Amino acid sequence: MTEIHAHNVLNLLREKPMSEAELRQAVNQEFGEHAMFRTCKLNGFDLDTLLTFFIQKQKIVQHDGKWSVNMDRVCGH
C-alpha cells in the first residue's frame, strides 16, 4: 500500500478549519479508512498516530472546537 504524505491531510485543514470528527470524515472520504501516512522523515502512521504527531509538533492548533494548520510549524515544500 502506498503511504500518503501527511501534507495532504494538512491541505484539507488549509482549505477550512474542521472539528476532529469532520477531519476524520474528510480523510476517510479522500484517502480511505485504512490509509497509511508518512511525513518528510517518518512513515507508518495511521490516522490516529498522525493526528497525535501533528498535535505534539504543534502543526495543528485548535480554536473554538476547530483545528487549523499552524503555518509557522509546517515545512514549506
N, C-alpha and C. Protein backbone atom coordinates (compact mmCIF):
# COMPACT_ATOMS: atom_id res chain seq x y z
N MET A 1 0.84 -1.18 0.00
CA MET A 1 0.00 0.00 0.00
C MET A 1 0.89 1.24 0.00
N THR A 2 0.57 2.19 -0.86
CA THR A 2 1.31 3.44 -0.92
C THR A 2 0.89 4.35 0.23
N GLU A 3 1.87 4.90 0.92
CA GLU A 3 1.56 5.81 2.01
C GLU A 3 1.34 7.22 1.45
N ILE A 4 0.41 7.91 2.04
CA ILE A 4 0.03 9.25 1.62
C ILE A 4 0.83 10.25 2.44
N HIS A 5 1.35 11.27 1.78
CA HIS A 5 2.13 12.26 2.51
C HIS A 5 1.22 13.05 3.45
N ALA A 6 1.70 13.29 4.65
CA ALA A 6 0.93 13.99 5.67
C ALA A 6 0.50 15.39 5.23
N HIS A 7 1.25 16.00 4.32
CA HIS A 7 0.86 17.33 3.83
C HIS A 7 -0.52 17.29 3.18
N ASN A 8 -0.91 16.16 2.64
CA ASN A 8 -2.24 16.05 2.04
C ASN A 8 -3.34 16.21 3.09
N VAL A 9 -3.09 15.73 4.29
CA VAL A 9 -4.05 15.91 5.38
C VAL A 9 -4.05 17.37 5.83
N LEU A 10 -2.86 17.94 5.97
CA LEU A 10 -2.78 19.35 6.35
C LEU A 10 -3.46 20.24 5.32
N ASN A 11 -3.37 19.87 4.05
CA ASN A 11 -4.02 20.66 3.00
C ASN A 11 -5.53 20.71 3.17
N LEU A 12 -6.11 19.63 3.69
CA LEU A 12 -7.55 19.64 3.96
C LEU A 12 -7.90 20.72 4.99
N LEU A 13 -7.03 20.87 6.00
CA LEU A 13 -7.26 21.88 7.02
C LEU A 13 -6.92 23.28 6.53
N ARG A 14 -6.04 23.38 5.55
CA ARG A 14 -5.76 24.70 4.97
C ARG A 14 -6.98 25.22 4.24
N GLU A 15 -7.72 24.31 3.62
CA GLU A 15 -8.92 24.71 2.89
C GLU A 15 -9.97 25.28 3.84
N LYS A 16 -10.14 24.61 5.00
CA LYS A 16 -11.07 25.12 6.01
C LYS A 16 -10.80 24.42 7.33
N PRO A 17 -10.86 25.16 8.44
CA PRO A 17 -10.74 24.53 9.76
C PRO A 17 -11.88 23.55 9.97
N MET A 18 -11.58 22.46 10.69
CA MET A 18 -12.58 21.41 10.93
C MET A 18 -12.45 20.89 12.35
N SER A 19 -13.56 20.36 12.85
CA SER A 19 -13.51 19.63 14.12
C SER A 19 -12.78 18.30 13.86
N GLU A 20 -12.44 17.62 14.93
CA GLU A 20 -11.79 16.32 14.76
C GLU A 20 -12.68 15.37 13.98
N ALA A 21 -13.94 15.33 14.31
CA ALA A 21 -14.86 14.42 13.60
C ALA A 21 -14.96 14.77 12.12
N GLU A 22 -15.03 16.06 11.82
CA GLU A 22 -15.10 16.49 10.42
C GLU A 22 -13.82 16.12 9.66
N LEU A 23 -12.68 16.31 10.33
CA LEU A 23 -11.40 15.96 9.70
C LEU A 23 -11.30 14.46 9.45
N ARG A 24 -11.68 13.68 10.43
CA ARG A 24 -11.65 12.22 10.26
C ARG A 24 -12.53 11.79 9.08
N GLN A 25 -13.72 12.38 8.99
CA GLN A 25 -14.62 12.04 7.90
C GLN A 25 -14.02 12.46 6.56
N ALA A 26 -13.44 13.64 6.50
CA ALA A 26 -12.84 14.12 5.25
C ALA A 26 -11.66 13.24 4.83
N VAL A 27 -10.83 12.86 5.78
CA VAL A 27 -9.68 11.99 5.48
C VAL A 27 -10.17 10.63 4.99
N ASN A 28 -11.16 10.06 5.67
CA ASN A 28 -11.68 8.76 5.25
C ASN A 28 -12.29 8.82 3.85
N GLN A 29 -12.99 9.90 3.55
CA GLN A 29 -13.59 10.05 2.22
C GLN A 29 -12.51 10.24 1.14
N GLU A 30 -11.50 11.02 1.47
CA GLU A 30 -10.46 11.35 0.49
C GLU A 30 -9.47 10.21 0.26
N PHE A 31 -9.08 9.53 1.35
CA PHE A 31 -7.99 8.56 1.27
C PHE A 31 -8.37 7.14 1.64
N GLY A 32 -9.55 6.94 2.23
CA GLY A 32 -9.98 5.61 2.65
C GLY A 32 -9.74 5.39 4.13
N GLU A 33 -10.55 4.52 4.71
CA GLU A 33 -10.49 4.27 6.16
C GLU A 33 -9.19 3.65 6.62
N HIS A 34 -8.52 2.92 5.75
CA HIS A 34 -7.31 2.20 6.16
C HIS A 34 -6.04 2.83 5.60
N ALA A 35 -6.14 4.10 5.21
CA ALA A 35 -4.97 4.79 4.64
C ALA A 35 -3.84 4.87 5.66
N MET A 36 -2.64 4.80 5.13
CA MET A 36 -1.43 4.99 5.93
C MET A 36 -0.72 6.24 5.42
N PHE A 37 0.01 6.89 6.34
CA PHE A 37 0.59 8.19 6.04
C PHE A 37 2.08 8.20 6.37
N ARG A 38 2.77 9.16 5.74
CA ARG A 38 4.18 9.38 6.01
C ARG A 38 4.41 10.88 6.11
N THR A 39 5.51 11.23 6.78
CA THR A 39 5.94 12.62 6.83
C THR A 39 7.21 12.72 6.00
N CYS A 40 7.87 13.86 6.08
CA CYS A 40 9.12 14.02 5.33
C CYS A 40 10.21 13.08 5.84
N LYS A 41 10.15 12.72 7.12
CA LYS A 41 11.22 11.90 7.71
C LYS A 41 10.75 10.56 8.26
N LEU A 42 9.46 10.42 8.53
CA LEU A 42 8.94 9.22 9.19
C LEU A 42 7.83 8.61 8.35
N ASN A 43 7.58 7.30 8.58
CA ASN A 43 6.48 6.66 7.88
C ASN A 43 5.77 5.68 8.80
N GLY A 44 4.68 5.10 8.29
CA GLY A 44 3.95 4.09 9.05
C GLY A 44 2.90 4.65 9.98
N PHE A 45 2.38 5.83 9.70
CA PHE A 45 1.35 6.44 10.55
C PHE A 45 -0.04 6.00 10.10
N ASP A 46 -0.87 5.57 11.05
CA ASP A 46 -2.30 5.51 10.76
C ASP A 46 -2.86 6.88 11.13
N LEU A 47 -4.14 7.12 10.93
CA LEU A 47 -4.68 8.45 11.16
C LEU A 47 -4.56 8.88 12.62
N ASP A 48 -4.83 7.99 13.56
CA ASP A 48 -4.72 8.34 14.98
C ASP A 48 -3.31 8.79 15.33
N THR A 49 -2.33 8.04 14.88
CA THR A 49 -0.93 8.35 15.17
C THR A 49 -0.52 9.65 14.49
N LEU A 50 -1.00 9.86 13.26
CA LEU A 50 -0.67 11.09 12.55
C LEU A 50 -1.24 12.30 13.26
N LEU A 51 -2.48 12.23 13.71
CA LEU A 51 -3.07 13.37 14.41
C LEU A 51 -2.34 13.64 15.72
N THR A 52 -1.96 12.60 16.43
CA THR A 52 -1.17 12.78 17.65
C THR A 52 0.15 13.46 17.33
N PHE A 53 0.81 13.04 16.26
CA PHE A 53 2.06 13.66 15.82
C PHE A 53 1.85 15.14 15.50
N PHE A 54 0.80 15.47 14.77
CA PHE A 54 0.51 16.86 14.42
C PHE A 54 0.32 17.71 15.68
N ILE A 55 -0.39 17.18 16.65
CA ILE A 55 -0.64 17.92 17.89
C ILE A 55 0.66 18.11 18.67
N GLN A 56 1.43 17.04 18.83
CA GLN A 56 2.69 17.12 19.57
C GLN A 56 3.66 18.10 18.93
N LYS A 57 3.71 18.13 17.62
CA LYS A 57 4.63 19.01 16.89
C LYS A 57 4.03 20.39 16.64
N GLN A 58 2.83 20.62 17.15
CA GLN A 58 2.11 21.88 17.02
C GLN A 58 1.90 22.29 15.56
N LYS A 59 1.70 21.28 14.70
CA LYS A 59 1.43 21.54 13.29
C LYS A 59 -0.04 21.88 13.07
N ILE A 60 -0.89 21.45 14.01
CA ILE A 60 -2.29 21.87 14.00
C ILE A 60 -2.62 22.43 15.38
N VAL A 61 -3.51 23.40 15.38
CA VAL A 61 -3.94 24.03 16.62
C VAL A 61 -5.46 24.06 16.64
N GLN A 62 -6.01 24.09 17.83
CA GLN A 62 -7.46 24.06 17.98
C GLN A 62 -7.95 25.39 18.54
N HIS A 63 -8.97 25.96 17.88
CA HIS A 63 -9.63 27.18 18.33
C HIS A 63 -11.13 26.98 18.17
N ASP A 64 -11.86 27.19 19.26
CA ASP A 64 -13.32 27.07 19.23
C ASP A 64 -13.79 25.73 18.66
N GLY A 65 -13.10 24.66 19.01
CA GLY A 65 -13.51 23.33 18.60
C GLY A 65 -13.12 22.94 17.18
N LYS A 66 -12.41 23.81 16.49
CA LYS A 66 -11.98 23.54 15.10
C LYS A 66 -10.45 23.52 15.04
N TRP A 67 -9.92 22.58 14.31
CA TRP A 67 -8.48 22.50 14.08
C TRP A 67 -8.12 23.27 12.82
N SER A 68 -6.97 23.90 12.86
CA SER A 68 -6.43 24.57 11.67
C SER A 68 -4.92 24.35 11.65
N VAL A 69 -4.32 24.65 10.52
CA VAL A 69 -2.88 24.46 10.33
C VAL A 69 -2.14 25.62 10.97
N ASN A 70 -1.09 25.30 11.70
CA ASN A 70 -0.17 26.29 12.25
C ASN A 70 0.96 26.45 11.23
N MET A 71 0.83 27.42 10.35
CA MET A 71 1.75 27.58 9.23
C MET A 71 3.19 27.80 9.68
N ASP A 72 3.40 28.30 10.88
CA ASP A 72 4.76 28.52 11.37
C ASP A 72 5.48 27.21 11.67
N ARG A 73 4.73 26.11 11.78
CA ARG A 73 5.33 24.82 12.15
C ARG A 73 5.32 23.81 11.01
N VAL A 74 4.96 24.24 9.82
CA VAL A 74 4.88 23.32 8.68
C VAL A 74 6.00 23.64 7.71
N CYS A 75 6.72 22.61 7.27
CA CYS A 75 7.80 22.84 6.31
C CYS A 75 7.20 23.32 4.99
N GLY A 76 8.01 24.00 4.21
CA GLY A 76 7.48 24.71 3.06
C GLY A 76 7.64 24.03 1.70
N HIS A 77 7.72 22.73 1.65
CA HIS A 77 7.83 22.10 0.32
C HIS A 77 6.56 21.41 -0.07
